[in-house]
Amino acid sequence: MGSFSNGVLVGFGISLLIAPMKGEEMRRMIAERFRYMRGVPPENPQLQQSVQQMEQQVQEVQQMANRTAQMQSNVQDYAQQTAQKASTANTNISEVRQQAATNQPQQQPQTRPSGPPSSGTSTTSNTPNRTNDRTRPNRPPRRS
């Protein structure tokens, strides 16, 4: 492989001597091709401007991605806080429900006799049944 690389160098040198270009142009072209082979793009003002614009756009996209990640983190935090508050509220409601059940006396449903009372005393009164007052809306009493 050493003889191959020596042959390439000799051929390159001969091509420089026979080349129909001026020395300055040839050096610039050789330097540009050498940079291109190393992976450096050729010097072109339009290309450099395009690369700068793309770099700016990449930076903007990275900033937007960072902001989006921060927003996602905030949303997750708010969701966790809301879930905790809902759980606390549910626990509080259960406790209040249990307290209400223990504080309220057991009411047995009133049954009305189907026929006239067997004794001379009446078991029903003229006052309306107040057990369902919580479910009825506040309305003025009906006038007959």
N, C-alpha and C. Protein backbone atom coordinates (compact mmCIF):
# COMPACT_ATOMS: atom_id res chain seq x y z
N MET A 1 0.82 -1.19 0.00
CA MET A 1 0.00 0.00 0.00
C MET A 1 0.87 1.26 0.00
N GLY A 2 2.06 1.16 0.47
CA GLY A 2 2.96 2.31 0.48
C GLY A 2 3.29 2.76 -0.93
N SER A 3 3.46 1.82 -1.86
CA SER A 3 3.80 2.18 -3.23
C SER A 3 2.60 2.87 -3.91
N PHE A 4 1.38 2.47 -3.53
CA PHE A 4 0.20 3.11 -4.10
C PHE A 4 0.12 4.58 -3.69
N SER A 5 0.31 4.86 -2.39
CA SER A 5 0.23 6.25 -1.93
C SER A 5 1.37 7.08 -2.52
N ASN A 6 2.54 6.47 -2.72
CA ASN A 6 3.64 7.20 -3.38
C ASN A 6 3.26 7.52 -4.82
N GLY A 7 2.62 6.61 -5.48
CA GLY A 7 2.19 6.84 -6.86
C GLY A 7 1.16 7.95 -6.95
N VAL A 8 0.25 8.00 -5.97
CA VAL A 8 -0.76 9.06 -5.95
C VAL A 8 -0.09 10.42 -5.79
N LEU A 9 0.85 10.52 -4.89
CA LEU A 9 1.55 11.79 -4.65
C LEU A 9 2.34 12.22 -5.90
N VAL A 10 3.00 11.30 -6.56
CA VAL A 10 3.75 11.63 -7.77
C VAL A 10 2.79 12.09 -8.86
N GLY A 11 1.67 11.40 -9.02
CA GLY A 11 0.69 11.81 -10.02
C GLY A 11 0.10 13.18 -9.72
N PHE A 12 -0.11 13.46 -8.46
CA PHE A 12 -0.64 14.76 -8.06
C PHE A 12 0.38 15.86 -8.37
N GLY A 13 1.63 15.61 -8.08
CA GLY A 13 2.68 16.61 -8.38
C GLY A 13 2.80 16.86 -9.87
N ILE A 14 2.75 15.82 -10.68
CA ILE A 14 2.85 15.98 -12.14
C ILE A 14 1.66 16.76 -12.66
N SER A 15 0.48 16.50 -12.12
CA SER A 15 -0.71 17.23 -12.58
C SER A 15 -0.60 18.70 -12.25
N LEU A 16 0.08 19.04 -11.17
CA LEU A 16 0.26 20.46 -10.83
C LEU A 16 1.19 21.15 -11.83
N LEU A 17 2.19 20.44 -12.27
CA LEU A 17 3.14 21.02 -13.21
C LEU A 17 2.52 21.19 -14.60
N ILE A 18 1.66 20.31 -14.98
CA ILE A 18 1.08 20.35 -16.32
C ILE A 18 -0.22 21.16 -16.35
N ALA A 19 -0.78 21.51 -15.26
CA ALA A 19 -2.08 22.17 -15.17
C ALA A 19 -2.08 23.49 -15.93
N PRO A 20 -3.18 23.79 -16.66
CA PRO A 20 -3.25 25.02 -17.45
C PRO A 20 -3.66 26.25 -16.64
N MET A 21 -3.73 26.16 -15.32
CA MET A 21 -4.16 27.31 -14.52
C MET A 21 -2.95 28.03 -13.94
N LYS A 22 -3.22 29.26 -13.47
CA LYS A 22 -2.18 30.02 -12.79
C LYS A 22 -1.92 29.38 -11.44
N GLY A 23 -0.80 29.64 -10.86
CA GLY A 23 -0.42 29.05 -9.59
C GLY A 23 -1.37 29.40 -8.45
N GLU A 24 -1.79 30.68 -8.39
CA GLU A 24 -2.69 31.11 -7.31
C GLU A 24 -4.04 30.42 -7.40
N GLU A 25 -4.57 30.34 -8.60
CA GLU A 25 -5.86 29.66 -8.80
C GLU A 25 -5.74 28.18 -8.46
N MET A 26 -4.61 27.59 -8.89
CA MET A 26 -4.41 26.17 -8.63
C MET A 26 -4.31 25.91 -7.13
N ARG A 27 -3.58 26.74 -6.40
CA ARG A 27 -3.47 26.56 -4.95
C ARG A 27 -4.82 26.70 -4.26
N ARG A 28 -5.60 27.68 -4.69
CA ARG A 28 -6.93 27.86 -4.10
C ARG A 28 -7.81 26.65 -4.37
N MET A 29 -7.77 26.14 -5.61
CA MET A 29 -8.59 24.99 -5.96
C MET A 29 -8.13 23.74 -5.19
N ILE A 30 -6.83 23.56 -5.08
CA ILE A 30 -6.31 22.40 -4.35
C ILE A 30 -6.71 22.49 -2.88
N ALA A 31 -6.56 23.68 -2.29
CA ALA A 31 -6.94 23.85 -0.87
C ALA A 31 -8.43 23.59 -0.68
N GLU A 32 -9.25 24.06 -1.60
CA GLU A 32 -10.70 23.86 -1.50
C GLU A 32 -11.05 22.38 -1.61
N ARG A 33 -10.41 21.68 -2.54
CA ARG A 33 -10.69 20.25 -2.70
C ARG A 33 -10.19 19.46 -1.48
N PHE A 34 -9.03 19.87 -0.97
CA PHE A 34 -8.50 19.19 0.21
C PHE A 34 -9.44 19.38 1.41
N ARG A 35 -9.95 20.59 1.58
CA ARG A 35 -10.91 20.85 2.67
C ARG A 35 -12.20 20.04 2.45
N TYR A 36 -12.63 19.95 1.22
CA TYR A 36 -13.84 19.18 0.91
C TYR A 36 -13.64 17.71 1.25
N MET A 37 -12.46 17.19 0.94
CA MET A 37 -12.16 15.79 1.25
C MET A 37 -12.11 15.57 2.77
N ARG A 38 -11.67 16.56 3.52
CA ARG A 38 -11.62 16.45 4.99
C ARG A 38 -13.00 16.64 5.61
N GLY A 39 -13.98 17.09 4.84
CA GLY A 39 -15.33 17.25 5.36
C GLY A 39 -15.71 18.69 5.59
N VAL A 40 -14.83 19.63 5.27
CA VAL A 40 -15.14 21.05 5.42
C VAL A 40 -15.76 21.52 4.11
N PRO A 41 -16.94 22.13 4.17
CA PRO A 41 -17.59 22.56 2.93
C PRO A 41 -16.79 23.70 2.28
N PRO A 42 -16.89 23.82 0.97
CA PRO A 42 -16.16 24.90 0.29
C PRO A 42 -16.67 26.27 0.73
N GLU A 43 -15.79 27.26 0.59
CA GLU A 43 -16.16 28.61 1.00
C GLU A 43 -17.10 29.21 -0.03
N ASN A 44 -18.33 29.42 0.43
CA ASN A 44 -19.35 29.98 -0.43
C ASN A 44 -20.20 30.88 0.46
N PRO A 45 -20.24 32.17 0.19
CA PRO A 45 -20.99 33.09 1.08
C PRO A 45 -22.46 32.70 1.24
N GLN A 46 -23.10 32.29 0.16
CA GLN A 46 -24.50 31.90 0.24
C GLN A 46 -24.67 30.64 1.10
N LEU A 47 -23.74 29.71 0.93
CA LEU A 47 -23.80 28.48 1.72
C LEU A 47 -23.57 28.79 3.19
N GLN A 48 -22.60 29.65 3.50
CA GLN A 48 -22.34 30.02 4.89
C GLN A 48 -23.55 30.73 5.50
N GLN A 49 -24.20 31.58 4.74
CA GLN A 49 -25.40 32.28 5.23
C GLN A 49 -26.52 31.27 5.50
N SER A 50 -26.68 30.31 4.60
CA SER A 50 -27.71 29.28 4.80
C SER A 50 -27.41 28.45 6.04
N VAL A 51 -26.13 28.12 6.25
CA VAL A 51 -25.74 27.35 7.43
C VAL A 51 -26.04 28.14 8.70
N GLN A 52 -25.74 29.44 8.70
CA GLN A 52 -26.02 30.27 9.87
C GLN A 52 -27.52 30.34 10.14
N GLN A 53 -28.32 30.49 9.09
CA GLN A 53 -29.77 30.53 9.27
C GLN A 53 -30.28 29.21 9.83
N MET A 54 -29.75 28.10 9.34
CA MET A 54 -30.18 26.80 9.85
C MET A 54 -29.76 26.62 11.30
N GLU A 55 -28.58 27.11 11.67
CA GLU A 55 -28.14 27.04 13.06
C GLU A 55 -29.08 27.83 13.96
N GLN A 56 -29.49 29.02 13.50
CA GLN A 56 -30.44 29.83 14.28
C GLN A 56 -31.77 29.10 14.43
N GLN A 57 -32.24 28.50 13.36
CA GLN A 57 -33.50 27.78 13.42
C GLN A 57 -33.41 26.58 14.35
N VAL A 58 -32.27 25.89 14.33
CA VAL A 58 -32.08 24.76 15.24
C VAL A 58 -32.09 25.23 16.68
N GLN A 59 -31.45 26.36 16.96
CA GLN A 59 -31.45 26.91 18.32
C GLN A 59 -32.86 27.29 18.75
N GLU A 60 -33.65 27.88 17.85
CA GLU A 60 -35.02 28.25 18.18
C GLU A 60 -35.86 27.00 18.48
N VAL A 61 -35.66 25.96 17.67
CA VAL A 61 -36.41 24.72 17.90
C VAL A 61 -36.00 24.10 19.24
N GLN A 62 -34.71 24.15 19.58
CA GLN A 62 -34.26 23.63 20.87
C GLN A 62 -34.88 24.42 22.01
N GLN A 63 -34.94 25.74 21.88
CA GLN A 63 -35.57 26.56 22.92
C GLN A 63 -37.04 26.22 23.06
N MET A 64 -37.73 26.04 21.93
CA MET A 64 -39.15 25.69 21.99
C MET A 64 -39.33 24.31 22.63
N ALA A 65 -38.44 23.38 22.33
CA ALA A 65 -38.52 22.05 22.93
C ALA A 65 -38.30 22.14 24.44
N ASN A 66 -37.35 22.97 24.85
CA ASN A 66 -37.11 23.15 26.29
C ASN A 66 -38.33 23.76 26.98
N ARG A 67 -38.94 24.76 26.34
CA ARG A 67 -40.14 25.38 26.91
C ARG A 67 -41.29 24.37 26.98
N THR A 68 -41.41 23.55 25.95
CA THR A 68 -42.47 22.54 25.93
C THR A 68 -42.25 21.52 27.05
N ALA A 69 -41.00 21.12 27.25
CA ALA A 69 -40.70 20.17 28.33
C ALA A 69 -41.02 20.79 29.69
N GLN A 70 -40.71 22.08 29.86
CA GLN A 70 -41.02 22.76 31.11
C GLN A 70 -42.54 22.83 31.32
N MET A 71 -43.27 23.14 30.25
CA MET A 71 -44.74 23.19 30.35
C MET A 71 -45.29 21.81 30.71
N GLN A 72 -44.75 20.77 30.11
CA GLN A 72 -45.20 19.42 30.40
C GLN A 72 -44.96 19.10 31.87
N SER A 73 -43.82 19.51 32.37
CA SER A 73 -43.51 19.27 33.78
C SER A 73 -44.50 20.02 34.67
N ASN A 74 -44.80 21.27 34.31
CA ASN A 74 -45.77 22.05 35.09
C ASN A 74 -47.15 21.40 35.05
N VAL A 75 -47.56 20.94 33.89
CA VAL A 75 -48.88 20.30 33.76
C VAL A 75 -48.94 19.04 34.61
N GLN A 76 -47.86 18.26 34.61
CA GLN A 76 -47.84 17.06 35.44
C GLN A 76 -47.93 17.41 36.92
N ASP A 77 -47.22 18.47 37.32
CA ASP A 77 -47.29 18.91 38.72
C ASP A 77 -48.71 19.33 39.09
N TYR A 78 -49.34 20.12 38.20
CA TYR A 78 -50.71 20.57 38.48
C TYR A 78 -51.68 19.38 38.53
N ALA A 79 -51.48 18.41 37.65
CA ALA A 79 -52.35 17.23 37.65
C ALA A 79 -52.19 16.45 38.95
N GLN A 80 -50.96 16.32 39.43
CA GLN A 80 -50.75 15.61 40.70
C GLN A 80 -51.38 16.38 41.85
N GLN A 81 -51.22 17.70 41.86
CA GLN A 81 -51.83 18.51 42.92
C GLN A 81 -53.34 18.39 42.89
N THR A 82 -53.93 18.42 41.68
CA THR A 82 -55.37 18.30 41.55
C THR A 82 -55.84 16.93 42.03
N ALA A 83 -55.10 15.89 41.68
CA ALA A 83 -55.48 14.55 42.13
C ALA A 83 -55.40 14.44 43.65
N GLN A 84 -54.39 15.05 44.24
CA GLN A 84 -54.27 15.02 45.70
C GLN A 84 -55.42 15.78 46.35
N LYS A 85 -55.76 16.94 45.79
CA LYS A 85 -56.87 17.72 46.34
C LYS A 85 -58.19 16.98 46.20
N ALA A 86 -58.38 16.32 45.06
CA ALA A 86 -59.61 15.55 44.85
C ALA A 86 -59.68 14.39 45.85
N SER A 87 -58.55 13.75 46.09
CA SER A 87 -58.53 12.65 47.05
C SER A 87 -58.83 13.16 48.45
N THR A 88 -58.25 14.30 48.80
CA THR A 88 -58.52 14.90 50.12
C THR A 88 -59.99 15.28 50.24
N ALA A 89 -60.55 15.88 49.20
CA ALA A 89 -61.96 16.27 49.22
C ALA A 89 -62.85 15.03 49.34
N ASN A 90 -62.50 13.97 48.64
CA ASN A 90 -63.28 12.73 48.72
C ASN A 90 -63.22 12.16 50.14
N THR A 91 -62.05 12.20 50.75
CA THR A 91 -61.91 11.72 52.12
C THR A 91 -62.74 12.58 53.07
N ASN A 92 -62.67 13.89 52.89
CA ASN A 92 -63.45 14.80 53.74
C ASN A 92 -64.95 14.55 53.59
N ILE A 93 -65.40 14.34 52.37
CA ILE A 93 -66.82 14.09 52.13
C ILE A 93 -67.22 12.78 52.80
N SER A 94 -66.38 11.76 52.71
CA SER A 94 -66.70 10.48 53.36
C SER A 94 -66.79 10.64 54.86
N GLU A 95 -65.88 11.42 55.44
CA GLU A 95 -65.91 11.65 56.89
C GLU A 95 -67.17 12.39 57.31
N VAL A 96 -67.54 13.41 56.55
CA VAL A 96 -68.76 14.17 56.85
C VAL A 96 -69.98 13.27 56.71
N ARG A 97 -70.00 12.43 55.71
CA ARG A 97 -71.11 11.52 55.50
C ARG A 97 -71.24 10.55 56.68
N GLN A 98 -70.09 10.04 57.16
CA GLN A 98 -70.12 9.13 58.30
C GLN A 98 -70.58 9.86 59.56
N GLN A 99 -70.11 11.08 59.77
CA GLN A 99 -70.54 11.85 60.93
C GLN A 99 -72.04 12.13 60.87
N ALA A 100 -72.52 12.47 59.69
CA ALA A 100 -73.94 12.76 59.54
C ALA A 100 -74.77 11.51 59.82
N ALA A 101 -74.26 10.37 59.40
CA ALA A 101 -75.00 9.12 59.62
C ALA A 101 -75.02 8.76 61.10
N THR A 102 -73.97 9.04 61.83
CA THR A 102 -73.93 8.70 63.26
C THR A 102 -74.70 9.73 64.09
N ASN A 103 -74.76 10.96 63.66
CA ASN A 103 -75.46 12.01 64.41
C ASN A 103 -76.96 12.02 64.15
N GLN A 104 -77.41 11.46 63.06
CA GLN A 104 -78.82 11.50 62.70
C GLN A 104 -79.52 10.29 63.32
N PRO A 105 -80.64 10.52 64.04
CA PRO A 105 -81.36 9.38 64.60
C PRO A 105 -81.99 8.56 63.49
N GLN A 106 -82.12 7.29 63.76
CA GLN A 106 -82.71 6.39 62.78
C GLN A 106 -84.21 6.68 62.68
N GLN A 107 -84.69 7.02 61.52
CA GLN A 107 -86.10 7.28 61.32
C GLN A 107 -86.71 6.08 60.61
N GLN A 108 -87.82 5.64 61.16
CA GLN A 108 -88.51 4.54 60.53
C GLN A 108 -89.63 5.12 59.68
N PRO A 109 -89.86 4.53 58.55
CA PRO A 109 -90.89 5.07 57.67
C PRO A 109 -92.26 4.97 58.34
N GLN A 110 -93.04 6.03 58.19
CA GLN A 110 -94.38 6.04 58.77
C GLN A 110 -95.33 5.33 57.83
N THR A 111 -96.17 4.51 58.39
CA THR A 111 -97.17 3.80 57.58
C THR A 111 -98.54 4.34 57.92
N ARG A 112 -99.32 4.51 56.93
CA ARG A 112 -100.69 4.99 57.12
C ARG A 112 -101.62 3.80 57.10
N PRO A 113 -102.58 3.79 57.94
CA PRO A 113 -103.55 2.71 57.88
C PRO A 113 -104.37 2.82 56.61
N SER A 114 -104.75 1.67 56.08
CA SER A 114 -105.47 1.67 54.81
C SER A 114 -106.94 2.02 54.98
N GLY A 115 -107.49 1.77 56.13
CA GLY A 115 -108.91 2.05 56.34
C GLY A 115 -109.08 3.07 57.46
N PRO A 116 -110.33 3.21 57.93
CA PRO A 116 -110.54 4.14 59.03
C PRO A 116 -109.88 3.59 60.29
N PRO A 117 -109.48 4.48 61.18
CA PRO A 117 -108.83 4.03 62.40
C PRO A 117 -109.76 3.14 63.22
N SER A 118 -109.19 2.13 63.86
CA SER A 118 -110.00 1.19 64.62
C SER A 118 -110.46 1.78 65.94
N SER A 119 -109.67 2.68 66.49
CA SER A 119 -110.11 3.30 67.75
C SER A 119 -110.59 4.70 67.47
N GLY A 120 -111.02 5.37 68.48
CA GLY A 120 -111.58 6.70 68.31
C GLY A 120 -110.52 7.77 68.13
N THR A 121 -109.24 7.47 68.32
CA THR A 121 -108.19 8.48 68.16
C THR A 121 -107.59 8.38 66.77
N SER A 122 -107.27 9.49 66.21
CA SER A 122 -106.72 9.53 64.86
C SER A 122 -105.20 9.44 64.95
N THR A 123 -104.59 8.63 64.08
CA THR A 123 -103.12 8.49 64.06
C THR A 123 -102.48 9.45 63.08
N THR A 124 -103.28 10.03 62.21
CA THR A 124 -102.73 11.00 61.26
C THR A 124 -103.05 12.38 61.75
N SER A 125 -102.22 13.33 61.37
CA SER A 125 -102.46 14.71 61.77
C SER A 125 -102.64 15.56 60.53
N ASN A 126 -103.01 16.79 60.73
CA ASN A 126 -103.23 17.70 59.61
C ASN A 126 -101.93 18.35 59.14
N THR A 127 -100.83 18.12 59.85
CA THR A 127 -99.56 18.72 59.42
C THR A 127 -98.96 17.88 58.29
N PRO A 128 -98.38 18.53 57.33
CA PRO A 128 -97.80 17.77 56.21
C PRO A 128 -96.59 16.96 56.69
N ASN A 129 -96.28 15.92 55.93
CA ASN A 129 -95.15 15.06 56.24
C ASN A 129 -93.85 15.83 56.00
N ARG A 130 -93.02 16.00 57.02
CA ARG A 130 -91.80 16.81 56.92
C ARG A 130 -90.54 15.96 56.66
N THR A 131 -90.68 14.70 56.44
CA THR A 131 -89.49 13.86 56.26
C THR A 131 -88.80 14.14 54.93
N ASN A 132 -89.52 14.58 53.92
CA ASN A 132 -88.92 14.82 52.61
C ASN A 132 -88.71 16.31 52.33
N ASP A 133 -88.65 17.13 53.38
CA ASP A 133 -88.46 18.57 53.17
C ASP A 133 -87.13 18.86 52.49
N ARG A 134 -86.12 18.04 52.72
CA ARG A 134 -84.82 18.31 52.12
C ARG A 134 -84.84 18.12 50.61
N THR A 135 -85.71 17.30 50.11
CA THR A 135 -85.74 17.05 48.67
C THR A 135 -86.68 17.98 47.94
N ARG A 136 -87.57 18.63 48.65
CA ARG A 136 -88.53 19.53 48.00
C ARG A 136 -87.95 20.93 47.92
N PRO A 137 -88.19 21.61 46.82
CA PRO A 137 -87.75 23.01 46.75
C PRO A 137 -88.60 23.88 47.69
N ASN A 138 -88.06 24.99 48.08
CA ASN A 138 -88.81 25.91 48.94
C ASN A 138 -89.90 26.57 48.14
N ARG A 139 -91.13 26.20 48.48
CA ARG A 139 -92.31 26.78 47.81
C ARG A 139 -93.27 27.27 48.88
N PRO A 140 -94.00 28.29 48.55
CA PRO A 140 -95.01 28.72 49.52
C PRO A 140 -96.12 27.68 49.60
N PRO A 141 -96.80 27.59 50.73
CA PRO A 141 -97.86 26.59 50.87
C PRO A 141 -99.00 26.88 49.88
N ARG A 142 -99.63 25.82 49.42
CA ARG A 142 -100.75 25.96 48.47
C ARG A 142 -102.00 26.45 49.20
N ARG A 143 -102.72 27.25 48.48
CA ARG A 143 -103.99 27.74 49.02
C ARG A 143 -105.11 26.98 48.34
N SER A 144 -106.06 26.55 49.10
CA SER A 144 -107.15 25.78 48.51
C SER A 144 -108.31 26.67 48.12
